[in-house]
């Protein structure tokens, strides 16, 4: 389990500590999957304190009577002084403890109740302290089970899923802009510019009760990548860019590049994210695999033997009664019927998994969908991002190793020209991290 409430400053250069525990080892009952993840919370370039918190709780940490699954939570606190930090921390800790404490019922019920109890606890603490009164936080929580995923959500932090080439937003932003879009059935770009983009309409803590959005269950596939993030990230990076970076980098590298890109674009808030990729495996030649094959072969032989035995018996009986004509007819008809009965009877039942439980699909997700197929456009998208940072670096007189910049730029362009779009994107990601390093060096030299 990892509880994250990390404060870093922009003066840190190569001393950043990233939470990387790869993979999350599942409990024996969940050996079908593992989750590779990276989590990072950064104070950003414009704040002096970090009001974000996150949780990464491994499935193996759950007791036998606790609600199972990997639990991931991002909370973005709000409130004067230290109130936002308190709210997000209390939310993260309460969601974890309450979710795990549910020994019965569905994961979605446990998740909803956990967020509601977090709301009650934050509200209670706010009433007891003038400094904490009115504090609140967003909460975006994801549970990963062997066959499915469930989401619980309040606020404007987000949860995305990248499946193949498609990036989907699984949460609804409880913000003024999104509420207007939903009410008027318009695109976000159509909302007038004078409407504030930073006003949220729902959060955990300021009021005695809170409405919790629960989405899912969603099917889980090998290679699915999930991103939980605060608006310090999503407010600065387009969905196409997010999907492209998640597509081309492992979770730890993707986390670093996304945070660096958000900061280089001047994110006015803390930046917190968790990137999780689902992996599956079945070891070749394992006892489970071998026994399954042997059992299947034995069962098949038995079904064939039963069918042949019935056919031979009917043939002999028909021959004794009326000779070869009845014997052939009886054996053909009886053999077909016996075969159908035997094979249907011997068909193995599908293994019971959490994904097989029949229950209502909750929520309306996905709320947005973005095609992130790797192509020339992907490379151009990243090239534009790097070009924008380059222009800022020139205008603000950053101390940059321009020879190194040109070397990497040519490498990225060459890869794109050779249709190695993944390679090109990876070099552009290296350029983003390069600029972050150069920017920090500039700040240190100016202090």
Protein backbone atom coordinates (compact mmCIF):
# COMPACT_ATOMS: atom_id res chain seq x y z
CA UNK A 1 0.00 0.00 0.00
CA UNK A 2 1.17 3.50 -0.82
CA UNK A 3 -0.40 6.63 0.61
CA UNK A 4 0.93 9.60 -1.26
CA UNK A 5 0.91 13.17 -0.10
CA UNK A 6 4.12 14.49 -1.57
CA UNK A 7 5.43 18.03 -1.73
CA UNK A 8 8.26 18.84 -4.11
CA UNK A 9 9.68 22.11 -5.33
CA UNK A 10 10.77 23.16 -8.80
CA UNK A 11 14.33 23.50 -7.52
CA UNK A 12 14.61 19.74 -7.29
CA UNK A 13 16.55 18.48 -10.27
CA UNK A 14 17.39 14.81 -10.40
CA UNK A 15 16.25 14.10 -6.87
CA UNK A 16 12.61 13.36 -7.66
CA UNK A 17 11.28 10.20 -6.04
CA UNK A 18 8.66 8.40 -8.05
CA UNK A 19 6.49 5.69 -6.60
CA UNK A 20 7.16 2.70 -8.82
CA UNK A 21 6.25 -0.74 -7.55
CA UNK A 22 6.20 -3.05 -10.53
CA UNK A 23 4.18 -5.18 -10.63
CA UNK A 24 1.49 -5.26 -7.96
CA UNK A 25 1.59 -8.94 -7.07
CA UNK A 26 -1.94 -10.36 -6.92
CA UNK A 27 -3.28 -12.74 -4.31
CA UNK A 28 -3.43 -16.45 -5.30
CA UNK A 29 -7.09 -16.13 -6.29
CA UNK A 30 -6.17 -13.35 -8.69
CA UNK A 31 -3.15 -14.84 -10.46
CA UNK A 32 -4.78 -14.21 -13.80
CA UNK A 33 -3.60 -10.62 -13.83
CA UNK A 34 -1.03 -8.19 -12.53
CA UNK A 35 -0.97 -4.42 -12.58
CA UNK A 36 2.13 -2.41 -13.43
CA UNK A 37 1.86 1.11 -12.09
CA UNK A 38 3.61 4.39 -11.39
CA UNK A 39 2.30 7.21 -9.20
CA UNK A 40 3.56 10.76 -8.86
CA UNK A 41 2.42 13.89 -7.04
CA UNK A 42 4.24 17.14 -7.81
CA UNK A 43 3.72 20.53 -6.18
CA UNK A 44 4.14 22.21 -9.56
CA UNK A 45 5.73 25.52 -10.42
CA UNK A 46 3.10 27.90 -9.06
CA UNK A 47 2.20 26.52 -5.63
CA UNK A 48 4.14 26.46 -2.37
CA UNK A 49 2.31 23.46 -0.92
CA UNK A 50 0.78 20.28 -2.29
CA UNK A 51 -2.93 19.81 -1.63
CA UNK A 52 -3.18 16.55 -3.58
CA UNK A 53 -3.08 13.01 -2.19
CA UNK A 54 -3.18 9.58 -3.75
CA UNK A 55 -3.56 5.93 -2.76
CA UNK A 56 -2.20 2.78 -4.36
CA UNK A 57 -3.43 -0.25 -2.40
CA UNK A 58 -2.40 -3.67 -3.73
CA UNK A 59 -4.86 -6.53 -4.00
CA UNK A 60 -2.50 -8.72 -1.99
CA UNK A 61 -2.86 -6.36 0.99
CA UNK A 62 -6.57 -7.16 1.36
CA UNK A 63 -7.50 -9.68 4.01
CA UNK A 64 -9.70 -12.71 3.32
CA UNK A 65 -12.79 -10.92 4.69
CA UNK A 66 -12.11 -7.60 2.96
CA UNK A 67 -13.25 -6.22 -0.37
CA UNK A 68 -10.72 -7.37 -3.00
CA UNK A 69 -8.94 -5.70 -5.88
CA UNK A 70 -6.29 -3.09 -6.52
CA UNK A 71 -7.57 0.27 -5.24
CA UNK A 72 -6.25 3.50 -6.82
CA UNK A 73 -7.35 6.94 -5.60
CA UNK A 74 -6.49 10.53 -6.54
CA UNK A 75 -7.79 13.44 -4.42
CA UNK A 76 -7.32 17.16 -5.14
CA UNK A 77 -7.96 19.22 -2.01
CA UNK A 78 -9.48 22.68 -1.75
CA UNK A 79 -9.48 25.15 1.12
CA UNK A 80 -7.52 27.98 2.68
CA UNK A 81 -4.26 27.46 4.54
CA UNK A 82 -3.70 23.74 5.04
CA UNK A 83 -7.36 22.78 4.70
CA UNK A 84 -7.01 21.35 1.18
CA UNK A 85 -4.14 19.11 2.25
CA UNK A 86 -6.17 17.83 5.20
CA UNK A 87 -9.25 17.17 3.09
CA UNK A 88 -7.42 15.19 0.41
CA UNK A 89 -5.46 13.17 2.97
CA UNK A 90 -8.56 12.31 5.00
CA UNK A 91 -10.40 11.36 1.82
CA UNK A 92 -7.61 9.05 0.64
CA UNK A 93 -7.24 7.33 4.01
CA UNK A 94 -10.98 6.97 4.60
CA UNK A 95 -11.77 5.61 1.16
CA UNK A 96 -9.08 2.97 1.60
CA UNK A 97 -10.09 1.87 5.10
CA UNK A 98 -13.85 1.86 4.46
CA UNK A 99 -13.58 0.12 1.10
CA UNK A 100 -11.44 -2.67 2.51
CA UNK A 101 -13.75 -3.06 5.54
CA UNK A 102 -16.69 -4.12 3.38
CA UNK A 103 -16.65 -7.92 3.65
CA UNK A 104 -19.92 -8.44 1.78
CA UNK A 105 -21.63 -6.92 -1.22
CA UNK A 106 -20.42 -5.64 -4.55
CA UNK A 107 -17.24 -3.55 -5.03
CA UNK A 108 -19.29 -0.67 -6.45
CA UNK A 109 -21.38 -0.54 -3.26
CA UNK A 110 -18.24 -0.57 -1.14
CA UNK A 111 -16.72 2.22 -3.24
CA UNK A 112 -19.82 4.40 -3.03
CA UNK A 113 -20.07 3.96 0.72
CA UNK A 114 -16.36 4.66 1.17
CA UNK A 115 -16.59 8.03 -0.59
CA UNK A 116 -19.74 8.95 1.32
CA UNK A 117 -18.07 8.19 4.64
CA UNK A 118 -15.04 10.22 3.56
CA UNK A 119 -17.45 13.10 2.94
CA UNK A 120 -18.94 12.72 6.43
CA UNK A 121 -15.52 12.64 8.09
CA UNK A 122 -14.24 15.72 6.26
CA UNK A 123 -17.45 17.61 7.01
CA UNK A 124 -17.21 16.65 10.69
CA UNK A 125 -13.63 17.87 10.97
CA UNK A 126 -14.58 21.09 9.20
CA UNK A 127 -17.27 21.82 11.77
CA UNK A 128 -14.80 21.36 14.62
CA UNK A 129 -12.20 23.84 13.31
CA UNK A 130 -12.56 27.35 11.97
CA UNK A 131 -9.42 26.90 9.87
CA UNK A 132 -10.81 23.76 8.25
CA UNK A 133 -14.41 24.87 7.87
CA UNK A 134 -15.71 24.40 4.32
CA UNK A 135 -12.74 22.35 3.17
CA UNK A 136 -13.31 19.87 0.38
CA UNK A 137 -11.65 17.63 -2.15
CA UNK A 138 -12.24 15.78 -5.36
CA UNK A 139 -12.10 11.98 -5.23
CA UNK A 140 -11.55 9.72 -8.22
CA UNK A 141 -11.21 6.04 -7.29
CA UNK A 142 -10.61 2.99 -9.46
CA UNK A 143 -10.88 -0.66 -8.44
CA UNK A 144 -9.19 -3.25 -10.65
CA UNK A 145 -10.46 -6.82 -10.22
CA UNK A 146 -9.41 -9.91 -12.18
CA UNK A 147 -12.04 -9.41 -14.88
CA UNK A 148 -13.40 -5.90 -14.46
CA UNK A 149 -12.92 -2.33 -13.31
CA UNK A 150 -15.21 -0.10 -11.24
CA UNK A 151 -15.03 3.69 -10.84
CA UNK A 152 -16.22 5.97 -8.03
CA UNK A 153 -16.03 9.72 -8.59
CA UNK A 154 -16.81 13.21 -7.26
CA UNK A 155 -15.31 16.43 -8.66
CA UNK A 156 -13.21 17.23 -11.72
CA UNK A 157 -10.23 14.92 -11.29
CA UNK A 158 -10.40 12.35 -14.06
CA UNK A 159 -10.01 8.67 -14.88
CA UNK A 160 -9.10 7.63 -18.42
CA UNK A 161 -8.75 4.22 -20.03
CA UNK A 162 -6.58 3.60 -23.08
CA UNK A 163 -7.65 0.43 -24.86
CA UNK A 164 -5.81 -0.23 -28.08
CA UNK A 165 -5.89 3.08 -29.96
CA UNK A 166 -8.86 4.54 -28.11
CA UNK A 167 -8.66 6.85 -25.10
CA UNK A 168 -11.91 7.13 -23.14
CA UNK A 169 -12.76 9.38 -20.22
CA UNK A 170 -14.67 7.28 -17.69
CA UNK A 171 -15.65 10.14 -15.37
CA UNK A 172 -17.92 13.15 -15.74
CA UNK A 173 -16.35 16.48 -14.74
CA UNK A 174 -18.50 18.00 -12.00
CA UNK A 175 -17.62 21.46 -13.24
CA UNK A 176 -19.67 24.45 -14.32
CA UNK A 177 -18.53 24.09 -17.92
CA UNK A 178 -19.42 20.39 -18.16
CA UNK A 179 -22.79 20.96 -16.48
CA UNK A 180 -23.58 23.63 -19.07
CA UNK A 181 -22.53 21.28 -21.86
CA UNK A 182 -24.79 18.54 -20.50
CA UNK A 183 -27.76 20.86 -19.96
CA UNK A 184 -27.52 22.63 -23.33
CA UNK A 185 -26.20 19.64 -25.33
CA UNK A 186 -23.23 21.61 -26.66
CA UNK A 187 -19.50 20.96 -27.02
CA UNK A 188 -17.07 22.35 -24.46
CA UNK A 189 -15.58 24.60 -27.15
CA UNK A 190 -19.01 26.19 -27.61
CA UNK A 191 -19.25 27.37 -24.00
CA UNK A 192 -18.51 31.14 -23.90
CA UNK A 193 -14.99 32.07 -22.80
CA UNK A 194 -16.28 34.22 -19.93
CA UNK A 195 -17.58 31.10 -18.12
CA UNK A 196 -14.93 30.18 -15.49
CA UNK A 197 -13.22 26.89 -16.21
CA UNK A 198 -12.11 26.24 -12.63
CA UNK A 199 -15.47 26.17 -10.84
CA UNK A 200 -16.55 22.73 -9.70
CA UNK A 201 -20.17 21.92 -8.83
CA UNK A 202 -19.63 18.94 -6.55
CA UNK A 203 -16.92 17.95 -4.08
CA UNK A 204 -16.34 15.77 -1.04
CA UNK A 205 -16.56 17.46 2.37
CA UNK A 206 -18.22 20.91 2.26
CA UNK A 207 -21.78 19.59 2.77
CA UNK A 208 -23.25 16.85 5.00
CA UNK A 209 -24.21 14.65 2.03
CA UNK A 210 -22.65 14.07 -1.37
CA UNK A 211 -23.85 12.38 -4.53
CA UNK A 212 -21.28 9.84 -5.74
CA UNK A 213 -21.02 8.81 -9.38
CA UNK A 214 -20.32 5.10 -9.78
CA UNK A 215 -19.39 3.84 -13.26
CA UNK A 216 -19.05 0.30 -14.48
CA UNK A 217 -18.26 -2.47 -14.20
CA UNK A 218 -16.00 -2.20 -17.25
CA UNK A 219 -14.43 -5.27 -18.81
CA UNK A 220 -10.70 -5.66 -18.28
CA UNK A 221 -8.30 -6.69 -21.03
CA UNK A 222 -4.60 -7.32 -21.26
CA UNK A 223 -2.84 -4.08 -22.15
CA UNK A 224 -5.53 -1.73 -20.83
CA UNK A 225 -3.90 1.43 -19.43
CA UNK A 226 -5.67 3.57 -16.84
CA UNK A 227 -4.79 7.14 -15.89
CA UNK A 228 -6.09 8.86 -12.76
CA UNK A 229 -5.14 12.54 -12.59
CA UNK A 230 -5.94 15.86 -10.98
CA UNK A 231 -6.95 18.84 -13.12
CA UNK A 232 -3.43 20.21 -12.78
CA UNK A 233 -2.63 17.66 -15.49
CA UNK A 234 -5.82 17.36 -17.55
CA UNK A 235 -6.21 21.13 -17.73
CA UNK A 236 -2.88 21.46 -19.55
CA UNK A 237 -2.68 18.41 -21.82
CA UNK A 238 -5.07 17.44 -24.60
CA UNK A 239 -6.59 13.97 -24.72
CA UNK A 240 -4.76 13.16 -27.96
CA UNK A 241 -1.44 13.95 -26.29
CA UNK A 242 -2.35 11.91 -23.21
CA UNK A 243 -3.31 8.90 -25.30
CA UNK A 244 -0.19 9.13 -27.45
CA UNK A 245 2.13 9.27 -24.44
CA UNK A 246 0.36 6.40 -22.65
CA UNK A 247 0.57 4.38 -25.87
CA UNK A 248 4.31 4.80 -26.37
CA UNK A 249 5.78 4.66 -22.85
CA UNK A 250 5.68 2.33 -19.89
CA UNK A 251 3.82 3.66 -16.81
CA UNK A 252 6.85 5.16 -15.06
CA UNK A 253 8.14 7.05 -18.11
CA UNK A 254 4.64 8.15 -19.09
CA UNK A 255 4.07 9.56 -15.58
CA UNK A 256 7.27 11.62 -15.69
CA UNK A 257 6.65 12.98 -19.18
CA UNK A 258 3.03 13.93 -18.47
CA UNK A 259 3.97 15.78 -15.28
CA UNK A 260 6.90 17.56 -16.96
CA UNK A 261 4.72 18.61 -19.90
CA UNK A 262 2.01 19.98 -17.61
CA UNK A 263 4.58 21.95 -15.60
CA UNK A 264 6.35 23.28 -18.70
CA UNK A 265 3.01 24.59 -19.90
CA UNK A 266 2.64 26.52 -16.68
CA UNK A 267 0.12 24.42 -14.78
CA UNK A 268 -1.27 26.69 -12.04
CA UNK A 269 -1.99 23.77 -9.72
CA UNK A 270 -0.40 20.69 -8.19
CA UNK A 271 -0.08 17.77 -10.57
CA UNK A 272 -0.93 14.25 -9.39
CA UNK A 273 -1.40 11.09 -11.40
CA UNK A 274 -1.40 7.31 -11.30
CA UNK A 275 -0.72 5.29 -14.45
CA UNK A 276 -1.66 1.60 -14.29
CA UNK A 277 -1.29 -1.00 -17.02
CA UNK A 278 -3.02 -4.39 -16.82
CA UNK A 279 -0.88 -7.42 -17.64
CA UNK A 280 -1.99 -11.05 -17.82
CA UNK A 281 -0.06 -14.25 -18.06
CA UNK A 282 -0.36 -18.04 -17.82
CA UNK A 283 2.97 -19.77 -17.36
CA UNK A 284 3.60 -22.42 -20.03
CA UNK A 285 3.84 -25.92 -18.62
CA UNK A 286 2.50 -24.89 -15.24
CA UNK A 287 0.67 -27.57 -13.23
CA UNK A 288 -2.60 -25.75 -13.88
CA UNK A 289 -2.07 -25.75 -17.64
CA UNK A 290 -0.93 -29.38 -17.78
CA UNK A 291 -3.77 -30.69 -15.64
CA UNK A 292 -6.29 -28.78 -17.70
CA UNK A 293 -4.99 -30.33 -20.93
CA UNK A 294 -4.92 -33.87 -19.47
CA UNK A 295 -8.40 -33.48 -18.01
CA UNK A 296 -9.75 -32.20 -21.30
CA UNK A 297 -8.20 -35.10 -23.23
CA UNK A 298 -9.58 -37.68 -20.78
CA UNK A 299 -13.03 -36.14 -20.89
CA UNK A 300 -13.01 -36.09 -24.70
CA UNK A 301 -12.00 -39.77 -24.85
CA UNK A 302 -14.78 -40.71 -22.45
CA UNK A 303 -17.42 -38.90 -24.49
CA UNK A 304 -16.26 -40.56 -27.72
CA UNK A 305 -16.24 -43.98 -26.03
CA UNK A 306 -19.80 -43.54 -24.76
CA UNK A 307 -21.01 -42.55 -28.22
CA UNK A 308 -19.31 -45.53 -29.92
CA UNK A 309 -20.66 -47.92 -27.27
CA UNK A 310 -24.25 -46.72 -27.76
CA UNK A 311 -23.92 -46.92 -31.55
CA UNK A 312 -22.56 -50.48 -31.44
CA UNK A 313 -25.26 -51.59 -29.04
CA UNK A 314 -28.07 -50.24 -31.21
CA UNK A 315 -26.52 -51.81 -34.31
CA UNK A 316 -26.44 -55.25 -32.64
CA UNK A 317 -29.99 -54.90 -31.29
CA UNK A 318 -31.35 -53.88 -34.69
CA UNK A 319 -29.59 -56.77 -36.39
CA UNK A 320 -31.17 -59.28 -34.01
CA UNK A 321 -34.68 -57.84 -34.48
CA UNK A 322 -34.92 -57.19 -38.23
CA UNK A 323 -31.51 -57.62 -39.79
CA UNK A 324 -29.03 -55.16 -41.35
CA UNK A 325 -31.54 -52.52 -42.53
CA UNK A 326 -32.86 -51.76 -39.05
CA UNK A 327 -29.39 -52.19 -37.55
CA UNK A 328 -27.89 -49.45 -39.74
CA UNK A 329 -30.82 -47.06 -39.26
CA UNK A 330 -30.96 -47.55 -35.49
CA UNK A 331 -27.20 -47.17 -35.05
CA UNK A 332 -27.05 -43.96 -37.12
CA UNK A 333 -29.95 -42.23 -35.37
CA UNK A 334 -29.01 -43.49 -31.93
CA UNK A 335 -25.34 -42.64 -32.40
CA UNK A 336 -26.10 -39.04 -33.39
CA UNK A 337 -28.45 -38.53 -30.44
CA UNK A 338 -26.02 -40.15 -28.03
CA UNK A 339 -23.18 -37.99 -29.32
CA UNK A 340 -25.16 -34.79 -28.93
CA UNK A 341 -26.23 -35.72 -25.40
CA UNK A 342 -22.76 -36.83 -24.36
CA UNK A 343 -20.92 -33.78 -25.66
CA UNK A 344 -23.42 -31.32 -24.23
CA UNK A 345 -23.39 -33.07 -20.89
CA UNK A 346 -19.60 -33.08 -20.83
CA UNK A 347 -19.17 -29.42 -21.72
CA UNK A 348 -17.22 -27.75 -18.88
CA UNK A 349 -18.90 -24.89 -17.07
CA UNK A 350 -17.29 -21.47 -17.44
CA UNK A 351 -15.24 -20.56 -14.39
CA UNK A 352 -16.97 -18.17 -12.05
CA UNK A 353 -15.25 -14.79 -11.96
CA UNK A 354 -16.17 -11.37 -10.70
CA UNK A 355 -16.85 -10.37 -14.29
CA UNK A 356 -19.48 -13.14 -14.66
CA UNK A 357 -21.80 -11.78 -12.02
CA UNK A 358 -24.94 -10.44 -13.59
CA UNK A 359 -25.68 -6.96 -12.32
CA UNK A 360 -26.73 -3.58 -13.60
CA UNK A 361 -24.25 -1.47 -15.53
CA UNK A 362 -23.94 1.85 -13.69
CA UNK A 363 -23.26 5.31 -15.08
CA UNK A 364 -23.04 6.59 -18.64
CA UNK A 365 -19.31 6.31 -19.34
CA UNK A 366 -17.42 6.82 -21.53
CA UNK A 367 -18.02 10.58 -21.63
CA UNK A 368 -15.38 11.36 -24.25
CA UNK A 369 -13.55 9.19 -26.78
CA UNK A 370 -10.36 10.09 -28.63
CA UNK A 371 -8.69 8.15 -31.45
CA UNK A 372 -5.00 7.85 -30.58
CA UNK A 373 -3.84 5.65 -33.46
CA UNK A 374 -0.10 6.07 -33.96
CA UNK A 375 0.55 7.78 -37.28
CA UNK A 376 2.16 10.87 -38.76
CA UNK A 377 -0.32 13.03 -36.85
CA UNK A 378 0.90 11.57 -33.56
CA UNK A 379 4.46 12.66 -34.33
CA UNK A 380 3.30 16.12 -35.44
CA UNK A 381 1.25 16.50 -32.27
CA UNK A 382 4.29 15.88 -30.10
CA UNK A 383 6.47 18.04 -32.35
CA UNK A 384 4.10 20.97 -31.82
CA UNK A 385 4.26 20.49 -28.07
CA UNK A 386 8.07 20.56 -28.15
CA UNK A 387 8.09 23.57 -30.47
CA UNK A 388 5.88 25.52 -28.06
CA UNK A 389 8.27 24.77 -25.19
CA UNK A 390 11.22 25.75 -27.38
CA UNK A 391 9.63 29.13 -28.12
CA UNK A 392 9.06 29.77 -24.42
CA UNK A 393 12.64 28.80 -23.65
CA UNK A 394 13.96 31.29 -26.22
CA UNK A 395 11.67 34.12 -25.10
CA UNK A 396 12.49 33.64 -21.43
CA UNK A 397 16.21 33.12 -21.95
CA UNK A 398 16.49 29.63 -20.49
CA UNK A 399 19.95 28.14 -20.35
CA UNK A 400 19.55 25.38 -22.94
CA UNK A 401 22.03 23.04 -24.58
CA UNK A 402 20.80 23.82 -28.09
CA UNK A 403 23.22 21.40 -29.75
CA UNK A 404 21.64 18.57 -27.80
CA UNK A 405 18.18 19.91 -28.69
CA UNK A 406 19.00 19.90 -32.40
CA UNK A 407 20.42 16.39 -32.17
CA UNK A 408 17.27 15.00 -30.58
CA UNK A 409 14.99 16.97 -32.91
CA UNK A 410 16.66 15.53 -36.01
CA UNK A 411 16.44 12.05 -34.53
CA UNK A 412 12.70 12.45 -33.96
CA UNK A 413 12.12 13.84 -37.46
CA UNK A 414 14.09 11.01 -39.04
CA UNK A 415 12.08 8.39 -37.17
CA UNK A 416 8.85 10.02 -38.36
CA UNK A 417 10.03 10.13 -41.97
CA UNK A 418 10.79 6.41 -41.74
CA UNK A 419 7.24 5.79 -40.42
CA UNK A 420 8.61 4.80 -37.02
CA UNK A 421 5.97 6.90 -35.29
CA UNK A 422 6.36 5.23 -31.90
CA UNK A 423 10.10 5.88 -32.03
CA UNK A 424 9.51 9.49 -33.01
CA UNK A 425 7.08 10.04 -30.12
CA UNK A 426 9.56 8.49 -27.70
CA UNK A 427 12.29 10.91 -28.77
CA UNK A 428 9.90 13.84 -28.39
CA UNK A 429 9.16 12.56 -24.90
CA UNK A 430 12.90 12.61 -24.23
CA UNK A 431 12.95 16.21 -25.45
CA UNK A 432 10.21 17.17 -22.98
CA UNK A 433 12.25 15.75 -20.12
CA UNK A 434 15.34 17.46 -21.55
CA UNK A 435 13.60 20.85 -21.43
CA UNK A 436 12.43 20.23 -17.85
CA UNK A 437 16.04 19.58 -16.83
CA UNK A 438 17.24 22.71 -18.62
CA UNK A 439 14.49 24.79 -17.01
CA UNK A 440 15.44 23.63 -13.53
CA UNK A 441 19.06 24.46 -14.18
CA UNK A 442 18.01 27.94 -15.24
CA UNK A 443 16.01 28.44 -12.03
CA UNK A 444 18.90 27.25 -9.86
CA UNK A 445 21.31 29.63 -11.57
CA UNK A 446 18.95 32.55 -10.98
CA UNK A 447 18.54 31.91 -7.26
